[in-house]
Amino acid sequence: MNEPVGSRQANLSRLLRIVHLEGPVSRATLTGATNLNRSTIADLVGDLVSLGLVEEHAPDPSRRVGRPSPLVAPHPRVAAIAVNPEVDAVTIATVGLDRRVSRRRRVEMTGLVSPERTTELIAEYIELQRDEGAGELALAGIGIAVPGLVRAADGLVRDAPHLKWTDIALREMVEAATGLHTVVGNDAGLGVVAEHLFGAARGVDDIVYLNGGASGIGGGLIVNGMPVAGASGYSGEFGQNRPGIASNDDRRASNGVLEDEVSQARLLAVLGRENADEPELARLLRTTRSADVADEIARQRRILSTALANAVNVLNPAVVVLGGFLAMLAADDPDALTRAVVAQTMHANGEDLEIRSAALAEDRLLIGAAEAAFAELLRDPAGATPT
């Protein structure tokens, strides 16, 4: 068989990655995208079908022009477990290779969750799926999005200050409890990858992403189309920067950092709530008619605009993406927020800037965590067959 471009493993990887990112796609599209001939594509797709990673469908009859080409889609049984431990809840979900979040469980916490309890919840979730008849799933692994510093070399959680986790070998703990390949990463770093591949910044090569969650504010960077993690994997901690606050009347924390001032906890407090998931918080901010709520939103937007302007001046992104409660702050008047940011940047840096809300909404960190879990399968489809 003639395979003019790369090895068989590389070609299987290329096809599976295209189907994962773009699917369903036709064989003709795969032929054009890879420069492989039609018979080679047919043979490689057959291998992926045999591995249980993709399935073929009849072409759409409404688009039939000339000889029809079968559609290739990710197999719905191939999935990863995605986890996001936070100070208010642990969220665990099943994310398909087709990017669909098919199951989700949010376990609210009355106190800080420990690494051991997080591991137990993951194992319980997987066992519950089996008991409920989801045993036909082929799991590629587990991805965990942690709100803290995660060492890129080995996934060690060096410091998740709001969870009070220090030097936690979470990957090893979860692998021992589940028997599944596990990847641990910073939540915002995984979130920016998800929004870059599938969300608000798809097709954009220079991105600043800020994630607002119960633990505070984290960030992720895409530069020239590539994630930038830093020397050890700790880049993007925008929430730890000292904010520029023009008026002392806006300051709430003496000598505080950005996430002390721009805070989900402060929004919940002014709403009279202790806890809320993202859809509920968004609804409350949208519907509550209160001067106190409006004033707090406006205060946080003023401080956020200066922080974003600093990031734009340093990094010159094409797009800034805001996730979590930061997207809710922007939603109050997105054009006004953009104008406030641009007014504080150098003219050339701000003239084409776009600020967008995360398109993947509450799924962004889970899809990012799943993407990390899928990485080995996408690299070597034949050698990393899901369990």
Protein backbone atom coordinates (compact mmCIF):
# COMPACT_ATOMS: atom_id res chain seq x y z
CA MET A 1 0.00 0.00 0.00
CA ASN A 2 1.30 3.46 -0.88
CA GLU A 3 1.50 5.93 2.04
CA PRO A 4 3.42 8.91 0.67
CA VAL A 5 3.21 11.12 3.76
CA GLY A 6 4.60 9.89 7.08
CA SER A 7 4.40 6.56 8.87
CA ARG A 8 1.24 4.58 9.43
CA GLN A 9 1.04 5.66 13.08
CA ALA A 10 1.43 9.30 12.04
CA ASN A 11 -1.26 8.98 9.38
CA LEU A 12 -3.71 7.28 11.75
CA SER A 13 -3.00 10.08 14.20
CA ARG A 14 -3.60 12.78 11.57
CA LEU A 15 -6.91 11.28 10.51
CA LEU A 16 -8.19 10.74 14.04
CA ARG A 17 -7.21 14.27 15.03
CA ILE A 18 -9.06 15.76 12.04
CA VAL A 19 -12.16 13.70 12.80
CA HIS A 20 -11.96 14.71 16.46
CA LEU A 21 -11.55 18.42 15.72
CA GLU A 22 -13.83 18.73 12.69
CA GLY A 23 -16.00 15.62 12.54
CA PRO A 24 -18.10 14.32 11.07
CA VAL A 25 -16.05 14.73 7.90
CA SER A 26 -16.20 12.97 4.54
CA ARG A 27 -13.48 10.71 3.22
CA ALA A 28 -13.06 13.24 0.43
CA THR A 29 -12.30 15.94 3.02
CA LEU A 30 -9.73 13.69 4.67
CA THR A 31 -8.12 13.05 1.30
CA GLY A 32 -7.82 16.77 0.62
CA ALA A 33 -6.56 17.60 4.12
CA THR A 34 -3.82 14.96 4.17
CA ASN A 35 -2.75 14.66 0.50
CA LEU A 36 -3.09 10.89 0.83
CA ASN A 37 -4.79 9.00 -1.99
CA ARG A 38 -8.34 7.69 -1.71
CA SER A 39 -7.39 4.04 -1.31
CA THR A 40 -4.97 4.88 1.51
CA ILE A 41 -7.63 6.96 3.24
CA ALA A 42 -10.12 4.10 2.92
CA ASP A 43 -7.61 1.68 4.43
CA LEU A 44 -6.70 3.99 7.33
CA VAL A 45 -10.34 4.74 8.09
CA GLY A 46 -10.95 1.00 8.11
CA ASP A 47 -8.22 0.60 10.71
CA LEU A 48 -9.76 3.31 12.90
CA VAL A 49 -13.16 1.64 12.56
CA SER A 50 -11.63 -1.70 13.58
CA LEU A 51 -10.05 -0.04 16.61
CA GLY A 52 -13.48 1.22 17.63
CA LEU A 53 -12.41 4.87 17.44
CA VAL A 54 -14.54 6.11 14.55
CA GLU A 55 -17.64 5.03 12.69
CA GLU A 56 -18.81 5.65 9.15
CA HIS A 57 -22.19 7.00 8.10
CA ALA A 58 -23.92 7.24 4.77
CA PRO A 59 -23.45 10.65 3.13
CA ASP A 60 -26.12 13.33 3.39
CA PRO A 61 -28.37 12.68 0.36
CA SER A 62 -29.30 16.38 0.16
CA ARG A 63 -25.66 17.24 -0.62
CA ARG A 64 -25.04 14.49 -3.14
CA VAL A 65 -23.09 15.89 -6.10
CA GLY A 66 -21.23 13.27 -8.08
CA ARG A 67 -19.99 10.17 -6.30
CA PRO A 68 -21.00 10.25 -2.60
CA SER A 69 -18.29 10.01 0.06
CA PRO A 70 -19.03 8.33 3.43
CA LEU A 71 -18.90 10.49 6.53
CA VAL A 72 -16.39 9.62 9.27
CA ALA A 73 -17.30 10.54 12.86
CA PRO A 74 -15.82 9.87 16.30
CA HIS A 75 -17.31 6.72 17.80
CA PRO A 76 -19.79 7.78 20.51
CA ARG A 77 -18.47 5.15 22.91
CA VAL A 78 -14.98 6.73 23.10
CA ALA A 79 -14.81 9.17 25.99
CA ALA A 80 -12.72 10.64 28.78
CA ILE A 81 -13.55 11.49 32.37
CA ALA A 82 -13.06 15.20 33.11
CA VAL A 83 -12.76 16.59 36.64
CA ASN A 84 -12.67 20.10 38.11
CA PRO A 85 -12.15 20.25 41.90
CA GLU A 86 -13.04 23.67 43.31
CA VAL A 87 -13.54 25.23 46.71
CA ASP A 88 -17.32 25.10 46.38
CA ALA A 89 -17.82 21.83 44.47
CA VAL A 90 -16.21 18.98 42.57
CA THR A 91 -17.56 18.61 39.03
CA ILE A 92 -17.03 15.34 37.15
CA ALA A 93 -18.22 14.68 33.62
CA THR A 94 -18.02 12.26 30.73
CA VAL A 95 -16.78 13.95 27.55
CA GLY A 96 -16.88 12.14 24.24
CA LEU A 97 -14.26 12.17 21.52
CA ASP A 98 -17.03 13.99 19.64
CA ARG A 99 -16.70 16.82 22.22
CA ARG A 100 -20.13 16.13 23.69
CA VAL A 101 -20.57 16.28 27.48
CA SER A 102 -22.93 13.36 27.98
CA ARG A 103 -22.97 13.10 31.79
CA ARG A 104 -22.18 15.51 34.57
CA ARG A 105 -22.14 15.34 38.36
CA ARG A 106 -21.59 18.34 40.63
CA VAL A 107 -20.92 17.52 44.28
CA GLU A 108 -21.18 20.66 46.40
CA MET A 109 -18.77 21.04 49.31
CA THR A 110 -19.39 22.49 52.75
CA GLY A 111 -15.63 22.54 53.43
CA LEU A 112 -12.48 22.26 51.36
CA VAL A 113 -12.23 19.00 49.46
CA SER A 114 -9.08 16.95 50.03
CA PRO A 115 -7.08 15.20 47.30
CA GLU A 116 -8.12 11.87 48.85
CA ARG A 117 -11.82 12.76 48.74
CA THR A 118 -11.44 14.02 45.16
CA THR A 119 -9.92 10.67 44.21
CA GLU A 120 -12.78 8.81 45.91
CA LEU A 121 -15.39 10.89 44.07
CA ILE A 122 -13.76 10.12 40.71
CA ALA A 123 -13.68 6.39 41.43
CA GLU A 124 -17.30 6.49 42.64
CA TYR A 125 -18.39 8.32 39.50
CA ILE A 126 -16.79 5.74 37.22
CA GLU A 127 -18.34 2.88 39.21
CA LEU A 128 -21.73 4.59 39.10
CA GLN A 129 -21.51 4.84 35.33
CA ARG A 130 -20.87 1.12 35.11
CA ASP A 131 -23.82 0.40 37.41
CA GLU A 132 -26.08 2.60 35.27
CA GLY A 133 -25.24 0.71 32.12
CA ALA A 134 -22.53 2.93 30.70
CA GLY A 135 -20.02 0.08 30.78
CA GLU A 136 -19.79 0.07 27.01
CA LEU A 137 -17.83 3.31 27.14
CA ALA A 138 -14.21 3.07 26.03
CA LEU A 139 -12.35 5.44 28.34
CA ALA A 140 -9.20 7.08 27.03
CA GLY A 141 -8.30 8.36 30.48
CA ILE A 142 -8.98 11.03 33.07
CA GLY A 143 -8.19 14.73 32.83
CA ILE A 144 -8.20 16.92 35.95
CA ALA A 145 -8.37 20.72 35.80
CA VAL A 146 -6.93 22.04 39.08
CA PRO A 147 -7.18 25.70 40.17
CA GLY A 148 -3.51 26.06 41.03
CA LEU A 149 0.09 25.57 39.95
CA VAL A 150 0.66 22.19 38.30
CA ARG A 151 4.17 21.13 37.32
CA ALA A 152 4.20 20.37 33.62
CA ALA A 153 6.88 17.67 33.86
CA ASP A 154 4.91 15.24 36.01
CA GLY A 155 1.52 16.74 36.90
CA LEU A 156 2.46 17.37 40.53
CA VAL A 157 0.10 19.90 42.10
CA ARG A 158 2.70 22.27 43.54
CA ASP A 159 0.28 24.77 45.04
CA ALA A 160 -3.49 25.10 44.87
CA PRO A 161 -3.73 27.77 47.57
CA HIS A 162 -7.49 28.06 47.83
CA LEU A 163 -7.86 24.29 48.15
CA LYS A 164 -4.81 24.23 50.48
CA TRP A 165 -3.13 21.52 48.39
CA THR A 166 0.67 21.55 48.34
CA ASP A 167 2.94 19.11 46.46
CA ILE A 168 0.15 16.59 45.82
CA ALA A 169 0.85 13.65 43.49
CA LEU A 170 -2.77 13.64 42.34
CA ARG A 171 -2.08 11.83 39.08
CA GLU A 172 -0.59 8.85 40.85
CA MET A 173 -3.42 8.78 43.41
CA VAL A 174 -6.14 8.72 40.76
CA GLU A 175 -4.35 6.20 38.55
CA ALA A 176 -3.96 3.85 41.52
CA ALA A 177 -7.66 4.15 42.41
CA THR A 178 -9.06 3.78 38.88
CA GLY A 179 -6.44 2.03 36.76
CA LEU A 180 -6.89 4.73 34.11
CA HIS A 181 -4.29 6.96 32.48
CA THR A 182 -4.57 10.37 34.18
CA VAL A 183 -3.40 13.86 33.24
CA VAL A 184 -3.43 16.82 35.65
CA GLY A 185 -3.21 20.45 34.50
CA ASN A 186 -4.00 24.00 35.49
CA ASP A 187 -7.68 24.74 34.96
CA ALA A 188 -7.24 27.96 32.98
CA GLY A 189 -4.42 26.46 30.91
CA LEU A 190 -6.77 23.66 29.89
CA GLY A 191 -9.63 26.09 29.39
CA VAL A 192 -7.73 28.21 26.88
CA VAL A 193 -6.92 25.11 24.82
CA ALA A 194 -10.62 24.19 24.73
CA GLU A 195 -11.69 27.68 23.66
CA HIS A 196 -8.88 27.77 21.06
CA LEU A 197 -9.82 24.42 19.51
CA PHE A 198 -13.61 24.49 19.80
CA GLY A 199 -14.87 27.75 21.27
CA ALA A 200 -14.75 31.53 21.14
CA ALA A 201 -11.15 31.72 19.87
CA ARG A 202 -11.28 28.95 17.28
CA GLY A 203 -8.99 29.87 14.41
CA VAL A 204 -7.26 32.64 16.42
CA ASP A 205 -3.53 32.26 17.03
CA ASP A 206 -2.89 34.89 19.72
CA ILE A 207 -5.17 34.68 22.75
CA VAL A 208 -5.27 35.83 26.34
CA TYR A 209 -7.78 33.83 28.39
CA LEU A 210 -8.90 34.70 31.91
CA ASN A 211 -10.95 32.24 33.90
CA GLY A 212 -13.03 33.38 36.84
CA GLY A 213 -14.03 30.67 39.29
CA ALA A 214 -14.71 30.04 42.95
CA SER A 215 -10.96 29.87 43.65
CA GLY A 216 -10.16 33.15 41.95
CA ILE A 217 -8.76 34.17 38.59
CA GLY A 218 -6.36 32.17 36.46
CA GLY A 219 -5.19 32.63 32.91
CA GLY A 220 -3.96 30.86 29.83
CA LEU A 221 -2.04 32.01 26.77
CA ILE A 222 -1.92 30.98 23.13
CA VAL A 223 0.91 32.63 21.17
CA ASN A 224 1.40 31.92 17.47
CA GLY A 225 -1.10 29.10 17.79
CA MET A 226 0.74 27.32 20.61
CA PRO A 227 -0.05 27.15 24.35
CA VAL A 228 2.52 28.97 26.48
CA ALA A 229 2.97 27.28 29.85
CA GLY A 230 6.25 28.81 31.03
CA ALA A 231 9.45 27.12 32.20
CA SER A 232 7.70 24.84 34.70
CA GLY A 233 4.07 25.20 33.65
CA TYR A 234 3.11 28.02 35.99
CA SER A 235 2.35 30.88 33.58
CA GLY A 236 -0.94 32.74 33.41
CA GLU A 237 -1.49 33.64 37.07
CA PHE A 238 -3.18 36.95 36.25
CA GLY A 239 -5.19 36.79 39.46
CA GLN A 240 -2.01 37.23 41.50
CA ASN A 241 -1.09 40.54 39.85
CA ARG A 242 -1.51 43.76 41.79
CA PRO A 243 -4.42 45.62 40.20
CA GLY A 244 -4.38 49.26 39.22
CA ILE A 245 -7.29 50.87 41.06
CA ALA A 246 -7.94 54.49 40.09
CA SER A 247 -10.23 55.31 43.02
CA ASN A 248 -9.69 54.29 46.64
CA ASP A 249 -13.47 53.99 46.88
CA ASP A 250 -13.20 50.91 44.65
CA ARG A 251 -10.66 49.15 46.86
CA ARG A 252 -11.95 46.38 49.10
CA ALA A 253 -8.76 44.51 50.10
CA SER A 254 -5.77 46.32 51.56
CA ASN A 255 -2.75 45.46 49.42
CA GLY A 256 -4.86 42.81 47.68
CA VAL A 257 -4.25 41.09 44.36
CA LEU A 258 -6.64 41.12 41.41
CA GLU A 259 -8.65 38.11 42.55
CA ASP A 260 -9.19 39.72 45.95
CA GLU A 261 -10.97 42.61 44.25
CA VAL A 262 -12.60 40.95 41.24
CA SER A 263 -14.21 38.00 42.93
CA GLN A 264 -17.03 35.50 42.58
CA ALA A 265 -17.33 35.42 46.38
CA ARG A 266 -18.00 39.18 46.44
CA LEU A 267 -20.71 38.78 43.79
CA LEU A 268 -22.34 35.98 45.78
CA ALA A 269 -22.16 38.04 48.97
CA VAL A 270 -23.97 41.00 47.44
CA LEU A 271 -26.58 38.55 46.10
CA GLY A 272 -27.01 37.05 49.56
CA ARG A 273 -25.88 33.59 48.44
CA GLU A 274 -23.15 31.26 49.69
CA ASN A 275 -22.95 29.02 46.64
CA ALA A 276 -24.22 28.78 43.07
CA ASP A 277 -23.14 26.99 39.93
CA GLU A 278 -22.33 29.08 36.87
CA PRO A 279 -25.76 28.98 35.17
CA GLU A 280 -27.47 29.95 38.44
CA LEU A 281 -25.00 32.75 39.16
CA ALA A 282 -25.44 34.11 35.65
CA ARG A 283 -29.21 34.05 36.06
CA LEU A 284 -29.03 35.85 39.40
CA LEU A 285 -26.75 38.58 38.07
CA ARG A 286 -29.00 39.02 35.05
CA THR A 287 -32.30 39.20 36.90
CA THR A 288 -31.59 40.72 40.31
CA ARG A 289 -32.68 44.37 40.34
CA SER A 290 -30.62 45.85 43.14
CA ALA A 291 -28.46 48.95 43.36
CA ASP A 292 -25.93 47.03 45.47
CA VAL A 293 -25.58 44.34 42.80
CA ALA A 294 -25.29 46.89 40.00
CA ASP A 295 -22.67 48.87 41.93
CA GLU A 296 -20.58 45.76 42.64
CA ILE A 297 -20.68 44.67 38.99
CA ALA A 298 -19.61 48.16 37.90
CA ARG A 299 -16.79 48.26 40.49
CA GLN A 300 -15.41 44.90 39.43
CA ARG A 301 -15.64 45.83 35.73
CA ARG A 302 -13.58 48.99 36.33
CA ILE A 303 -10.79 47.04 37.99
CA LEU A 304 -10.98 44.21 35.45
CA SER A 305 -10.69 46.65 32.54
CA THR A 306 -7.36 47.95 33.86
CA ALA A 307 -6.03 44.43 34.41
CA LEU A 308 -7.02 43.46 30.87
CA ALA A 309 -5.43 46.59 29.44
CA ASN A 310 -2.13 45.67 31.12
CA ALA A 311 -2.30 42.18 29.60
CA VAL A 312 -3.09 43.60 26.16
CA ASN A 313 -0.16 46.02 26.33
CA VAL A 314 2.26 43.24 27.29
CA LEU A 315 1.00 40.43 25.04
CA ASN A 316 -0.83 42.11 22.11
CA PRO A 317 -3.48 39.37 21.67
CA ALA A 318 -6.00 39.39 18.84
CA VAL A 319 -8.70 38.16 21.21
CA VAL A 320 -9.25 38.18 24.96
CA VAL A 321 -11.59 35.41 26.12
CA LEU A 322 -13.32 35.63 29.50
CA GLY A 323 -14.71 32.55 31.23
CA GLY A 324 -16.78 31.91 34.34
CA PHE A 325 -17.96 34.88 36.37
CA LEU A 326 -15.69 37.19 34.33
CA ALA A 327 -17.84 36.44 31.28
CA MET A 328 -20.86 37.39 33.39
CA LEU A 329 -19.27 40.73 34.24
CA ALA A 330 -18.62 41.34 30.55
CA ALA A 331 -22.17 40.35 29.58
CA ASP A 332 -23.57 43.35 31.43
CA ASP A 333 -22.30 45.55 28.55
CA PRO A 334 -19.58 43.89 26.43
CA ASP A 335 -19.00 46.87 24.13
CA ALA A 336 -18.52 49.23 27.07
CA LEU A 337 -15.99 46.86 28.65
CA THR A 338 -14.03 46.69 25.40
CA ARG A 339 -14.01 50.49 25.17
CA ALA A 340 -12.82 50.76 28.77
CA VAL A 341 -9.96 48.35 28.07
CA VAL A 342 -8.92 49.99 24.80
CA ALA A 343 -8.94 53.42 26.44
CA GLN A 344 -6.14 52.21 28.73
CA THR A 345 -3.96 50.50 26.11
CA MET A 346 -1.48 51.84 23.63
CA HIS A 347 -3.43 52.80 20.54
CA ALA A 348 -1.86 50.24 18.20
CA ASN A 349 -2.33 47.40 20.72
CA GLY A 350 -6.01 48.08 21.22
CA GLU A 351 -7.21 49.11 17.78
CA ASP A 352 -8.25 45.62 16.59
CA LEU A 353 -8.83 44.00 19.99
CA GLU A 354 -11.86 41.78 20.53
CA ILE A 355 -13.12 40.66 23.93
CA ARG A 356 -15.30 37.56 23.80
CA SER A 357 -17.10 35.41 26.34
CA ALA A 358 -16.14 31.73 26.48
CA ALA A 359 -18.37 29.96 23.95
CA LEU A 360 -18.11 26.63 25.78
CA ALA A 361 -19.57 28.26 28.91
CA GLU A 362 -19.61 25.90 31.91
CA ASP A 363 -18.16 23.05 29.81
CA ARG A 364 -14.90 24.83 28.94
CA LEU A 365 -12.71 23.41 31.74
CA LEU A 366 -14.19 19.94 31.37
CA ILE A 367 -13.62 19.88 27.61
CA GLY A 368 -10.09 21.16 28.19
CA ALA A 369 -9.41 18.46 30.76
CA ALA A 370 -10.79 15.81 28.42
CA GLU A 371 -8.56 17.11 25.63
CA ALA A 372 -5.53 16.48 27.84
CA ALA A 373 -6.78 12.95 28.52
CA PHE A 374 -7.26 12.32 24.77
CA ALA A 375 -3.75 13.50 23.86
CA GLU A 376 -2.06 10.09 24.00
CA LEU A 377 -4.86 8.42 22.05
CA LEU A 378 -4.69 11.12 19.37
CA ARG A 379 -0.91 10.70 19.17
CA ASP A 380 -0.96 6.91 18.80
CA PRO A 381 -4.45 5.56 18.04
CA ALA A 382 -3.33 1.95 17.64
CA GLY A 383 -1.08 1.91 20.69
CA ALA A 384 -3.30 3.74 23.17
CA THR A 385 -6.57 1.90 22.72
CA PRO A 386 -9.13 3.08 25.32
CA THR A 387 -10.05 0.85 28.25
